[in-house]
Protein backbone atom coordinates (compact mmCIF):
# COMPACT_ATOMS: atom_id res chain seq x y z
CA MET A 1 -38.80 -0.21 -19.43
CA ASN A 2 -35.82 1.34 -21.17
CA GLU A 3 -38.04 2.88 -23.84
CA THR A 4 -40.00 4.73 -21.14
CA ASN A 5 -36.80 5.86 -19.46
CA LEU A 6 -35.55 7.14 -22.84
CA LEU A 7 -38.69 9.28 -23.13
CA TYR A 8 -38.16 10.69 -19.61
CA GLN A 9 -34.49 11.29 -20.41
CA LEU A 10 -35.30 13.17 -23.63
CA LEU A 11 -37.95 15.28 -21.87
CA LEU A 12 -35.55 16.20 -19.06
CA VAL A 13 -32.78 17.05 -21.52
CA PHE A 14 -35.22 19.20 -23.50
CA GLY A 15 -36.26 20.89 -20.24
CA LEU A 16 -32.59 21.55 -19.45
CA CYS A 17 -32.11 23.13 -22.89
CA TYR A 18 -35.23 25.26 -22.45
CA GLY A 19 -34.09 26.41 -19.01
CA ALA A 20 -30.67 27.31 -20.41
CA PHE A 21 -32.36 29.18 -23.26
CA ARG A 22 -34.36 31.22 -20.75
CA PHE A 23 -31.21 32.06 -18.74
CA GLY A 24 -29.39 33.27 -21.84
CA LYS A 25 -26.18 32.83 -23.82
CA GLY A 26 -23.95 31.89 -20.89
CA ALA A 27 -26.31 29.17 -19.71
CA LEU A 28 -26.61 27.73 -23.23
CA THR A 29 -22.81 27.57 -23.45
CA CYS A 30 -22.81 25.70 -20.13
CA ALA A 31 -25.48 23.33 -21.48
CA VAL A 32 -23.41 22.55 -24.58
CA THR A 33 -20.42 21.69 -22.38
CA LEU A 34 -22.27 19.82 -19.64
CA LEU A 35 -24.23 17.62 -22.04
CA ALA A 36 -21.14 16.86 -24.15
CA LEU A 37 -19.28 15.76 -21.01
CA MET A 38 -22.22 13.63 -19.92
CA ALA A 39 -22.45 12.04 -23.37
CA ASN A 40 -18.78 11.03 -23.25
CA LEU A 41 -18.94 9.83 -19.63
CA PHE A 42 -22.16 7.80 -19.86
CA VAL A 43 -21.55 6.32 -23.31
CA LEU A 44 -20.02 3.18 -21.74
CA LYS A 45 -23.33 2.03 -20.23
CA GLN A 46 -25.00 -0.43 -22.62
CA ILE A 47 -28.74 -1.07 -22.65
CA THR A 48 -31.32 -2.92 -24.72
CA LEU A 49 -33.58 -0.49 -26.58
CA PHE A 50 -36.22 -1.67 -29.05
CA ALA A 51 -34.36 -5.02 -29.20
CA PHE A 52 -31.06 -3.24 -30.08
CA GLU A 53 -27.90 -3.34 -27.96
CA VAL A 54 -27.04 0.37 -27.65
CA THR A 55 -25.50 2.94 -25.31
CA SER A 56 -27.57 5.18 -23.07
CA SER A 57 -26.04 8.60 -23.82
CA ASP A 58 -27.56 9.63 -27.17
CA ALA A 59 -30.03 12.00 -25.47
CA TYR A 60 -27.13 14.02 -24.05
CA ALA A 61 -25.46 14.30 -27.46
CA ILE A 62 -28.78 15.43 -28.93
CA GLY A 63 -29.20 18.02 -26.15
CA SER A 64 -25.72 19.38 -26.80
CA ILE A 65 -26.53 19.72 -30.51
CA LEU A 66 -29.84 21.46 -29.68
CA SER A 67 -28.13 23.91 -27.29
CA LEU A 68 -25.49 24.71 -29.91
CA ASN A 69 -28.19 25.33 -32.53
CA LEU A 70 -30.09 27.59 -30.12
CA LEU A 71 -26.91 29.60 -29.61
CA ARG A 72 -26.38 29.88 -33.36
CA GLU A 73 -30.01 30.80 -34.01
CA PHE A 74 -30.51 33.40 -31.26
CA HIS A 75 -27.00 34.67 -30.48
CA GLY A 76 -25.13 34.28 -33.77
CA LYS A 77 -22.46 32.07 -35.30
CA GLU A 78 -19.65 33.59 -33.26
CA ALA A 79 -21.39 32.66 -29.99
CA ALA A 80 -21.82 29.07 -31.22
CA LYS A 81 -18.19 28.92 -32.36
CA LYS A 82 -16.96 30.24 -29.00
CA ALA A 83 -19.15 27.72 -27.17
CA THR A 84 -17.57 24.91 -29.18
CA TYR A 85 -14.06 26.00 -28.16
CA ILE A 86 -15.14 26.41 -24.53
CA CYS A 87 -16.66 22.93 -24.64
CA PHE A 88 -13.46 21.36 -25.95
CA PHE A 89 -11.35 23.31 -23.42
CA PHE A 90 -13.31 21.92 -20.49
CA MET A 91 -13.36 18.44 -21.99
CA VAL A 92 -9.55 18.51 -22.21
CA CYS A 93 -9.39 19.75 -18.60
CA PHE A 94 -11.79 17.00 -17.50
CA VAL A 95 -9.69 14.31 -19.16
CA ALA A 96 -6.44 15.64 -17.67
CA LEU A 97 -7.92 15.91 -14.17
CA SER A 98 -9.57 12.49 -14.42
CA GLN A 99 -6.24 10.86 -15.25
CA ILE A 100 -4.60 12.58 -12.27
CA HIS A 101 -7.52 11.33 -10.15
CA LEU A 102 -6.80 7.76 -11.30
CA GLY A 103 -3.13 8.23 -10.43
CA PHE A 104 -3.89 8.46 -6.70
CA HIS A 105 -3.30 5.11 -4.99
CA PRO A 106 -6.47 4.02 -3.13
CA SER A 107 -6.40 3.19 0.56
CA PRO A 108 -7.14 -0.39 1.72
CA HIS A 109 -10.65 0.78 2.70
CA ASP A 110 -11.52 2.38 -0.66
CA LYS A 111 -14.39 0.81 -2.62
CA ALA A 112 -14.74 3.30 -5.49
CA HIS A 113 -11.37 3.18 -7.26
CA PHE A 114 -12.16 0.31 -9.62
CA ALA A 115 -15.44 1.92 -10.67
CA TYR A 116 -13.60 5.16 -11.47
CA LEU A 117 -10.90 3.14 -13.22
CA PHE A 118 -13.46 1.49 -15.49
CA LEU A 119 -15.29 4.75 -16.29
CA LEU A 120 -12.37 7.15 -16.68
CA THR A 121 -9.65 5.05 -18.32
CA PRO A 122 -11.26 5.40 -21.82
CA ALA A 123 -11.73 9.19 -21.37
CA PRO A 124 -8.63 10.24 -23.41
CA ARG A 125 -9.66 7.98 -26.29
CA LEU A 126 -13.24 9.33 -26.26
CA LEU A 127 -12.00 12.93 -26.17
CA PHE A 128 -9.54 12.30 -29.00
CA SER A 129 -12.32 10.70 -31.03
CA SER A 130 -14.68 13.62 -30.37
CA LEU A 131 -12.10 16.17 -31.50
CA ILE A 132 -11.19 14.33 -34.71
CA VAL A 133 -14.79 13.61 -35.66
CA PHE A 134 -16.04 17.12 -34.83
CA PHE A 135 -13.56 18.95 -37.04
CA ALA A 136 -13.87 16.39 -39.85
CA ILE A 137 -17.67 16.59 -39.83
CA GLN A 138 -17.63 20.41 -39.71
CA GLN A 139 -15.70 20.46 -42.98
CA LEU A 140 -17.90 17.74 -44.49
CA ASP A 141 -21.08 19.61 -43.57
CA LEU A 142 -19.83 22.84 -45.18
CA ARG A 143 -18.94 21.05 -48.42
CA LEU A 144 -22.18 19.06 -48.44
CA PHE A 145 -24.26 22.20 -47.98
CA ALA A 146 -22.46 23.92 -50.88
CA TRP A 147 -22.88 20.84 -53.10
CA ILE A 148 -26.60 20.50 -52.28
CA SER A 149 -27.08 24.23 -52.94
CA LYS A 150 -25.63 23.76 -56.43
CA LEU A 151 -27.60 20.56 -57.01
CA LEU A 152 -30.89 22.07 -55.79
CA PRO A 153 -30.50 25.82 -56.40
CA ARG A 154 -34.24 26.53 -56.00
CA SER A 155 -34.65 24.65 -52.74
CA ARG A 156 -35.20 26.53 -49.50
CA PHE A 157 -32.57 26.84 -46.78
CA PRO A 158 -34.31 24.47 -44.29
CA LEU A 159 -34.36 21.66 -46.87
CA ARG A 160 -30.69 22.13 -47.79
CA SER A 161 -29.72 22.35 -44.13
CA THR A 162 -31.71 19.23 -43.20
CA LEU A 163 -30.19 17.19 -46.03
CA SER A 164 -26.60 18.24 -45.27
CA LEU A 165 -27.04 17.75 -41.51
CA SER A 166 -28.61 14.30 -41.95
CA ILE A 167 -25.75 13.07 -44.14
CA SER A 168 -23.05 14.63 -41.95
CA GLN A 169 -24.61 13.17 -38.79
CA LEU A 170 -24.57 9.72 -40.39
CA PHE A 171 -20.82 10.03 -40.97
CA ASP A 172 -20.41 11.56 -37.50
CA THR A 173 -22.10 8.54 -35.90
CA ILE A 174 -20.12 5.99 -37.92
CA LEU A 175 -16.75 7.68 -37.37
CA PHE A 176 -17.19 8.23 -33.63
CA SER A 177 -18.51 4.70 -33.13
CA PHE A 178 -15.50 3.12 -34.82
CA ILE A 179 -12.83 5.46 -33.44
CA GLY A 180 -14.24 5.89 -29.94
CA LEU A 181 -16.33 2.80 -29.18
CA TYR A 182 -14.83 -0.09 -31.14
CA GLY A 183 -13.96 -2.80 -28.63
CA LEU A 184 -15.86 -1.07 -25.81
CA VAL A 185 -19.42 -2.00 -26.83
CA SER A 186 -20.85 -5.39 -27.72
CA ASN A 187 -22.73 -4.49 -30.91
CA LEU A 188 -21.33 -1.56 -32.85
CA SER A 189 -23.86 -1.81 -35.70
CA HIS A 190 -26.79 -1.50 -33.26
CA VAL A 191 -25.18 1.55 -31.66
CA ILE A 192 -24.72 3.19 -35.08
CA ILE A 193 -28.28 2.47 -36.25
CA VAL A 194 -30.10 3.69 -33.13
CA SER A 195 -27.80 6.66 -32.55
CA PHE A 196 -28.22 7.86 -36.13
CA LEU A 197 -32.01 7.41 -36.06
CA LEU A 198 -32.25 9.51 -32.89
CA LYS A 199 -29.98 12.20 -34.36
CA ALA A 200 -31.93 12.17 -37.64
CA ALA A 201 -35.15 12.68 -35.67
CA MET A 202 -33.46 15.59 -33.91
CA VAL A 203 -32.38 17.13 -37.24
CA LEU A 204 -35.94 16.85 -38.59
CA ALA A 205 -37.31 18.42 -35.40
CA LEU A 206 -34.88 21.37 -35.42
CA GLY A 207 -37.08 23.52 -37.66
CA PRO A 208 -40.26 23.14 -35.56
CA LEU A 209 -38.21 23.47 -32.35
CA MET A 210 -36.67 26.76 -33.48
CA THR A 211 -40.14 28.04 -34.34
CA LEU A 212 -41.33 27.01 -30.87
CA PHE A 213 -38.43 28.76 -29.15
CA ARG A 214 -39.04 31.91 -31.22
CA ARG A 215 -42.64 31.90 -29.95
CA PHE A 216 -41.36 31.56 -26.38
CA GLU A 217 -39.04 34.51 -26.97
CA ARG A 218 -41.81 36.68 -28.48
CA HIS A 219 -44.15 35.74 -25.62
CA ASP A 220 -41.52 36.84 -23.08
CA THR A 221 -41.04 40.21 -24.78
CA VAL A 222 -44.79 40.98 -24.96
């Protein structure tokens, strides 16, 4: 069942993030980039999940967010910022190389060209969408956090962060779905609903996850 496969997928992605965390800053930067590329590449596959028509790449997007947060938490904001730029650099390179790959004329015996054509033709649009949405949501999240801090001055940082992230991820999901996926998937509303619910669950789990990773780090240093 797809629901079971989703569980396996999430567990494997979490294992990848944990392994990258153990290897250090460089590996976490690689995880951010790898999972972002996988999210953009595999987003075209549509599945039925809990009776919704959705894509199958949300786990990779969640893993990329988790890896970026681990970088920010354990290696500082500058490391997370650098990882973001590295991620976008390699995504641009991937798109450019993929379009050159499609430019090669297949031989009469080739059986893979049309599969590559289907998967890689939307790559520039998906990259363009990712770039626009990322920078727009970054600014939105900063302003939301400041507004929530003024609205709830006595609230703790985790609450303010969770509220701002949840709202910004809702806009992130809606914007990327319309800019990047409109016309490519059969049911855009289903994609938005399920994708946001999974991201919201990730946002709520970030606090406990960071606590868990801190325990892993303390255990390693003992």
